[in-house]
PDB file of N, CA and C in Angstrom:
ATOM      1  N   MET A   1       0.851  -1.169   0.000  1.00  0.00           N
ATOM      2  CA  MET A   1       0.000   0.000   0.000  1.00  0.00           C
ATOM      3  C   MET A   1       0.898   1.234   0.000  1.00  0.00           C
ATOM      4  N   PRO A   2       0.701   2.135  -0.955  1.00  0.00           N
ATOM      5  CA  PRO A   2       1.547   3.330  -1.001  1.00  0.00           C
ATOM      6  C   PRO A   2       1.217   4.291   0.138  1.00  0.00           C
ATOM      7  N   LYS A   3       2.210   5.015   0.580  1.00  0.00           N
ATOM      8  CA  LYS A   3       2.003   6.031   1.607  1.00  0.00           C
ATOM      9  C   LYS A   3       1.736   7.357   0.919  1.00  0.00           C
ATOM     10  N   THR A   4       0.857   8.136   1.513  1.00  0.00           N
ATOM     11  CA  THR A   4       0.510   9.437   0.986  1.00  0.00           C
ATOM     12  C   THR A   4       0.679  10.466   2.090  1.00  0.00           C
ATOM     13  N   LEU A   5       1.409  11.498   1.821  1.00  0.00           N
ATOM     14  CA  LEU A   5       1.626  12.556   2.790  1.00  0.00           C
ATOM     15  C   LEU A   5       0.636  13.678   2.517  1.00  0.00           C
ATOM     16  N   VAL A   6      -0.158  14.005   3.530  1.00  0.00           N
ATOM     17  CA  VAL A   6      -1.111  15.108   3.403  1.00  0.00           C
ATOM     18  C   VAL A   6      -1.047  15.956   4.669  1.00  0.00           C
ATOM     19  N   ASP A   7      -1.321  17.233   4.498  1.00  0.00           N
ATOM     20  CA  ASP A   7      -1.413  18.137   5.642  1.00  0.00           C
ATOM     21  C   ASP A   7      -2.877  18.227   6.051  1.00  0.00           C
ATOM     22  N   ILE A   8      -3.149  17.846   7.276  1.00  0.00           N
ATOM     23  CA  ILE A   8      -4.514  17.892   7.801  1.00  0.00           C
ATOM     24  C   ILE A   8      -4.515  18.838   8.997  1.00  0.00           C
ATOM     25  N   PRO A   9      -5.363  19.838   8.981  1.00  0.00           N
ATOM     26  CA  PRO A   9      -5.413  20.746  10.130  1.00  0.00           C
ATOM     27  C   PRO A   9      -5.704  19.963  11.422  1.00  0.00           C
ATOM     28  N   GLU A  10      -4.930  20.210  12.461  1.00  0.00           N
ATOM     29  CA  GLU A  10      -5.061  19.476  13.722  1.00  0.00           C
ATOM     30  C   GLU A  10      -6.467  19.575  14.305  1.00  0.00           C
ATOM     31  N   ALA A  11      -7.068  20.762  14.246  1.00  0.00           N
ATOM     32  CA  ALA A  11      -8.408  20.930  14.813  1.00  0.00           C
ATOM     33  C   ALA A  11      -9.434  20.093  14.054  1.00  0.00           C
ATOM     34  N   THR A  12      -9.279  20.013  12.741  1.00  0.00           N
ATOM     35  CA  THR A  12     -10.186  19.207  11.916  1.00  0.00           C
ATOM     36  C   THR A  12     -10.031  17.734  12.237  1.00  0.00           C
ATOM     37  N   LEU A  13      -8.802  17.290  12.377  1.00  0.00           N
ATOM     38  CA  LEU A  13      -8.531  15.901  12.722  1.00  0.00           C
ATOM     39  C   LEU A  13      -9.067  15.569  14.108  1.00  0.00           C
ATOM     40  N   ALA A  14      -8.836  16.438  15.061  1.00  0.00           N
ATOM     41  CA  ALA A  14      -9.309  16.209  16.427  1.00  0.00           C
ATOM     42  C   ALA A  14     -10.826  16.111  16.476  1.00  0.00           C
ATOM     43  N   LEU A  15     -11.509  16.972  15.747  1.00  0.00           N
ATOM     44  CA  LEU A  15     -12.972  16.924  15.706  1.00  0.00           C
ATOM     45  C   LEU A  15     -13.459  15.627  15.071  1.00  0.00           C
ATOM     46  N   ALA A  16     -12.816  15.229  13.988  1.00  0.00           N
ATOM     47  CA  ALA A  16     -13.183  13.971  13.335  1.00  0.00           C
ATOM     48  C   ALA A  16     -12.957  12.792  14.281  1.00  0.00           C
ATOM     49  N   GLN A  17     -11.856  12.812  15.023  1.00  0.00           N
ATOM     50  CA  GLN A  17     -11.585  11.732  15.973  1.00  0.00           C
ATOM     51  C   GLN A  17     -12.664  11.667  17.056  1.00  0.00           C
ATOM     52  N   ARG A  18     -13.084  12.799  17.553  1.00  0.00           N
ATOM     53  CA  ARG A  18     -14.158  12.808  18.553  1.00  0.00           C
ATOM     54  C   ARG A  18     -15.458  12.284  17.951  1.00  0.00           C
ATOM     55  N   ASN A  19     -15.778  12.739  16.746  1.00  0.00           N
ATOM     56  CA  ASN A  19     -17.028  12.316  16.107  1.00  0.00           C
ATOM     57  C   ASN A  19     -17.034  10.835  15.752  1.00  0.00           C
ATOM     58  N   LEU A  20     -15.888  10.305  15.374  1.00  0.00           N
ATOM     59  CA  LEU A  20     -15.802   8.907  14.961  1.00  0.00           C
ATOM     60  C   LEU A  20     -15.424   7.971  16.107  1.00  0.00           C
ATOM     61  N   GLY A  21     -14.969   8.529  17.212  1.00  0.00           N
ATOM     62  CA  GLY A  21     -14.543   7.706  18.335  1.00  0.00           C
ATOM     63  C   GLY A  21     -13.248   6.959  18.054  1.00  0.00           C
ATOM     64  N   THR A  22     -12.371   7.569  17.278  1.00  0.00           N
ATOM     65  CA  THR A  22     -11.106   6.944  16.916  1.00  0.00           C
ATOM     66  C   THR A  22      -9.966   7.555  17.726  1.00  0.00           C
ATOM     67  N   THR A  23      -8.842   6.841  17.752  1.00  0.00           N
ATOM     68  CA  THR A  23      -7.706   7.332  18.544  1.00  0.00           C
ATOM     69  C   THR A  23      -6.449   7.583  17.719  1.00  0.00           C
ATOM     70  N   THR A  24      -6.383   7.020  16.512  1.00  0.00           N
ATOM     71  CA  THR A  24      -5.196   7.238  15.689  1.00  0.00           C
ATOM     72  C   THR A  24      -5.566   7.990  14.414  1.00  0.00           C
ATOM     73  N   LYS A  25      -4.576   8.626  13.829  1.00  0.00           N
ATOM     74  CA  LYS A  25      -4.807   9.348  12.576  1.00  0.00           C
ATOM     75  C   LYS A  25      -5.231   8.388  11.479  1.00  0.00           C
ATOM     76  N   ARG A  26      -4.544   7.253  11.392  1.00  0.00           N
ATOM     77  CA  ARG A  26      -4.860   6.279  10.339  1.00  0.00           C
ATOM     78  C   ARG A  26      -6.303   5.776  10.469  1.00  0.00           C
ATOM     79  N   GLU A  27      -6.682   5.396  11.675  1.00  0.00           N
ATOM     80  CA  GLU A  27      -8.042   4.904  11.890  1.00  0.00           C
ATOM     81  C   GLU A  27      -9.075   5.976  11.562  1.00  0.00           C
ATOM     82  N   THR A  28      -8.785   7.206  11.941  1.00  0.00           N
ATOM     83  CA  THR A  28      -9.700   8.317  11.672  1.00  0.00           C
ATOM     84  C   THR A  28      -9.892   8.505  10.180  1.00  0.00           C
ATOM     85  N   ILE A  29      -8.794   8.515   9.441  1.00  0.00           N
ATOM     86  CA  ILE A  29      -8.880   8.723   7.989  1.00  0.00           C
ATOM     87  C   ILE A  29      -9.594   7.559   7.322  1.00  0.00           C
ATOM     88  N   GLU A  30      -9.270   6.322   7.727  1.00  0.00           N
ATOM     89  CA  GLU A  30      -9.940   5.161   7.137  1.00  0.00           C
ATOM     90  C   GLU A  30     -11.437   5.182   7.421  1.00  0.00           C
ATOM     91  N   ARG A  31     -11.827   5.476   8.665  1.00  0.00           N
ATOM     92  CA  ARG A  31     -13.244   5.514   9.010  1.00  0.00           C
ATOM     93  C   ARG A  31     -13.964   6.642   8.275  1.00  0.00           C
ATOM     94  N   ALA A  32     -13.296   7.785   8.128  1.00  0.00           N
ATOM     95  CA  ALA A  32     -13.903   8.903   7.405  1.00  0.00           C
ATOM     96  C   ALA A  32     -14.121   8.545   5.937  1.00  0.00           C
ATOM     97  N   LEU A  33     -13.149   7.892   5.317  1.00  0.00           N
ATOM     98  CA  LEU A  33     -13.292   7.481   3.920  1.00  0.00           C
ATOM     99  C   LEU A  33     -14.396   6.427   3.778  1.00  0.00           C
ATOM    100  N   GLU A  34     -14.473   5.506   4.733  1.00  0.00           N
ATOM    101  CA  GLU A  34     -15.552   4.515   4.711  1.00  0.00           C
ATOM    102  C   GLU A  34     -16.912   5.197   4.817  1.00  0.00           C
ATOM    103  N   ALA A  35     -17.003   6.221   5.658  1.00  0.00           N
ATOM    104  CA  ALA A  35     -18.267   6.944   5.822  1.00  0.00           C
ATOM    105  C   ALA A  35     -18.659   7.661   4.527  1.00  0.00           C
ATOM    106  N   VAL A  36     -17.692   8.258   3.860  1.00  0.00           N
ATOM    107  CA  VAL A  36     -17.960   8.932   2.581  1.00  0.00           C
ATOM    108  C   VAL A  36     -18.462   7.924   1.551  1.00  0.00           C
ATOM    109  N   ASN A  37     -17.801   6.772   1.469  1.00  0.00           N
ATOM    110  CA  ASN A  37     -18.200   5.753   0.497  1.00  0.00           C
ATOM    111  C   ASN A  37     -19.567   5.168   0.820  1.00  0.00           C
ATOM    112  N   ALA A  38     -19.862   4.961   2.105  1.00  0.00           N
ATOM    113  CA  ALA A  38     -21.178   4.450   2.500  1.00  0.00           C
ATOM    114  C   ALA A  38     -22.263   5.470   2.162  1.00  0.00           C
ATOM    115  N   THR A  39     -21.986   6.731   2.406  1.00  0.00           N
ATOM    116  CA  THR A  39     -22.957   7.785   2.084  1.00  0.00           C
ATOM    117  C   THR A  39     -23.224   7.828   0.589  1.00  0.00           C
ATOM    118  N   ALA A  40     -22.191   7.708  -0.211  1.00  0.00           N
ATOM    119  CA  ALA A  40     -22.366   7.704  -1.669  1.00  0.00           C
ATOM    120  C   ALA A  40     -23.223   6.527  -2.103  1.00  0.00           C
ATOM    121  N   ALA A  41     -23.004   5.354  -1.510  1.00  0.00           N
ATOM    122  CA  ALA A  41     -23.812   4.177  -1.850  1.00  0.00           C
ATOM    123  C   ALA A  41     -25.271   4.384  -1.435  1.00  0.00           C
ATOM    124  N   GLN A  42     -25.486   4.975  -0.278  1.00  0.00           N
ATOM    125  CA  GLN A  42     -26.841   5.256   0.189  1.00  0.00           C
ATOM    126  C   GLN A  42     -27.550   6.229  -0.745  1.00  0.00           C
ATOM    127  N   LEU A  43     -26.847   7.272  -1.154  1.00  0.00           N
ATOM    128  CA  LEU A  43     -27.446   8.256  -2.065  1.00  0.00           C
ATOM    129  C   LEU A  43     -27.765   7.634  -3.422  1.00  0.00           C
ATOM    130  N   ALA A  44     -26.889   6.757  -3.905  1.00  0.00           N
ATOM    131  CA  ALA A  44     -27.146   6.080  -5.177  1.00  0.00           C
ATOM    132  C   ALA A  44     -28.385   5.195  -5.060  1.00  0.00           C
ATOM    133  N   LEU A  45     -28.534   4.507  -3.933  1.00  0.00           N
ATOM    134  CA  LEU A  45     -29.719   3.678  -3.716  1.00  0.00           C
ATOM    135  C   LEU A  45     -30.977   4.543  -3.682  1.00  0.00           C
ATOM    136  N   LEU A  46     -30.924   5.650  -2.970  1.00  0.00           N
ATOM    137  CA  LEU A  46     -32.077   6.553  -2.923  1.00  0.00           C
ATOM    138  C   LEU A  46     -32.428   7.092  -4.301  1.00  0.00           C
ATOM    139  N   ASP A  47     -31.416   7.431  -5.088  1.00  0.00           N
ATOM    140  CA  ASP A  47     -31.657   7.899  -6.454  1.00  0.00           C
ATOM    141  C   ASP A  47     -32.353   6.816  -7.275  1.00  0.00           C
ATOM    142  N   SER A  48     -31.914   5.573  -7.129  1.00  0.00           N
ATOM    143  CA  SER A  48     -32.532   4.455  -7.860  1.00  0.00           C
ATOM    144  C   SER A  48     -33.989   4.294  -7.474  1.00  0.00           C
ATOM    145  N   ILE A  49     -34.253   4.355  -6.173  1.00  0.00           N
ATOM    146  CA  ILE A  49     -35.637   4.212  -5.703  1.00  0.00           C
ATOM    147  C   ILE A  49     -36.482   5.376  -6.197  1.00  0.00           C
ATOM    148  N   THR A  50     -35.926   6.582  -6.118  1.00  0.00           N
ATOM    149  CA  THR A  50     -36.639   7.768  -6.590  1.00  0.00           C
ATOM    150  C   THR A  50     -36.943   7.681  -8.075  1.00  0.00           C
ATOM    151  N   ASP A  51     -36.034   7.077  -8.836  1.00  0.00           N
ATOM    152  CA  ASP A  51     -36.224   6.925 -10.274  1.00  0.00           C
ATOM    153  C   ASP A  51     -37.166   5.780 -10.625  1.00  0.00           C
ATOM    154  N   GLY A  52     -37.698   5.089  -9.601  1.00  0.00           N
ATOM    155  CA  GLY A  52     -38.685   4.045  -9.854  1.00  0.00           C
ATOM    156  C   GLY A  52     -38.163   2.629  -9.859  1.00  0.00           C
ATOM    157  N   ALA A  53     -36.898   2.444  -9.519  1.00  0.00           N
ATOM    158  CA  ALA A  53     -36.355   1.087  -9.489  1.00  0.00           C
ATOM    159  C   ALA A  53     -37.047   0.292  -8.397  1.00  0.00           C
ATOM    160  N   GLU A  54     -37.303  -0.967  -8.688  1.00  0.00           N
ATOM    161  CA  GLU A  54     -37.926  -1.846  -7.704  1.00  0.00           C
ATOM    162  C   GLU A  54     -36.923  -2.914  -7.305  1.00  0.00           C
ATOM    163  N   PHE A  55     -36.897  -3.198  -6.042  1.00  0.00           N
ATOM    164  CA  PHE A  55     -35.980  -4.199  -5.523  1.00  0.00           C
ATOM    165  C   PHE A  55     -36.801  -5.312  -4.888  1.00  0.00           C
ATOM    166  N   ALA A  56     -36.756  -6.482  -5.509  1.00  0.00           N
ATOM    167  CA  ALA A  56     -37.543  -7.610  -5.002  1.00  0.00           C
ATOM    168  C   ALA A  56     -37.035  -8.079  -3.653  1.00  0.00           C
ATOM    169  N   THR A  57     -35.732  -8.073  -3.494  1.00  0.00           N
ATOM    170  CA  THR A  57     -35.160  -8.510  -2.213  1.00  0.00           C
ATOM    171  C   THR A  57     -34.014  -7.602  -1.825  1.00  0.00           C
ATOM    172  N   PHE A  58     -33.981  -7.301  -0.577  1.00  0.00           N
ATOM    173  CA  PHE A  58     -32.847  -6.588  -0.013  1.00  0.00           C
ATOM    174  C   PHE A  58     -32.094  -7.605   0.832  1.00  0.00           C
ATOM    175  N   THR A  59     -31.108  -8.243   0.250  1.00  0.00           N
ATOM    176  CA  THR A  59     -30.354  -9.261   0.965  1.00  0.00           C
ATOM    177  C   THR A  59     -29.461  -8.609   2.007  1.00  0.00           C
ATOM    178  N   PRO A  60     -29.088  -9.344   3.044  1.00  0.00           N
ATOM    179  CA  PRO A  60     -28.172  -8.780   4.037  1.00  0.00           C
ATOM    180  C   PRO A  60     -26.859  -8.309   3.409  1.00  0.00           C
ATOM    181  N   GLU A  61     -26.398  -9.020   2.399  1.00  0.00           N
ATOM    182  CA  GLU A  61     -25.153  -8.632   1.733  1.00  0.00           C
ATOM    183  C   GLU A  61     -25.311  -7.297   1.017  1.00  0.00           C
ATOM    184  N   PHE A  62     -26.456  -7.133   0.353  1.00  0.00           N
ATOM    185  CA  PHE A  62     -26.715  -5.871  -0.353  1.00  0.00           C
ATOM    186  C   PHE A  62     -26.843  -4.723   0.655  1.00  0.00           C
ATOM    187  N   LEU A  63     -27.618  -4.949   1.704  1.00  0.00           N
ATOM    188  CA  LEU A  63     -27.812  -3.884   2.688  1.00  0.00           C
ATOM    189  C   LEU A  63     -26.514  -3.512   3.393  1.00  0.00           C
ATOM    190  N   ALA A  64     -25.633  -4.470   3.560  1.00  0.00           N
ATOM    191  CA  ALA A  64     -24.342  -4.192   4.200  1.00  0.00           C
ATOM    192  C   ALA A  64     -23.515  -3.205   3.385  1.00  0.00           C
ATOM    193  N   THR A  65     -23.735  -3.192   2.075  1.00  0.00           N
ATOM    194  CA  THR A  65     -22.959  -2.277   1.234  1.00  0.00           C
ATOM    195  C   THR A  65     -23.448  -0.845   1.320  1.00  0.00           C
ATOM    196  N   VAL A  66     -24.654  -0.633   1.817  1.00  0.00           N
ATOM    197  CA  VAL A  66     -25.194   0.731   1.873  1.00  0.00           C
ATOM    198  C   VAL A  66     -25.411   1.227   3.301  1.00  0.00           C
ATOM    199  N   ARG A  67     -25.169   0.376   4.264  1.00  0.00           N
ATOM    200  CA  ARG A  67     -25.321   0.810   5.660  1.00  0.00           C
ATOM    201  C   ARG A  67     -24.100   1.568   6.100  1.00  0.00           C
ATOM    202  N   HIS A  68     -24.337   2.451   7.025  1.00  0.00           N
ATOM    203  CA  HIS A  68     -23.209   3.195   7.617  1.00  0.00           C
ATOM    204  C   HIS A  68     -23.202   2.979   9.099  1.00  0.00           C
TER     205      HIS A  68
END
């Protein structure tokens, strides 16, 4: 896995750690990215439903991909 150097404001990181309940920078960033991806999946599902898509079954595996 490649390393990426980024400057993150300390106050922003500290707030994210409090909100996510994380203790390390790596865990905070990973959890934040997971939250962004889960939100995107949820929004895509809502768009599909809004557009009239019908889902015969919501399997646990499918729901796991859109839960946050």
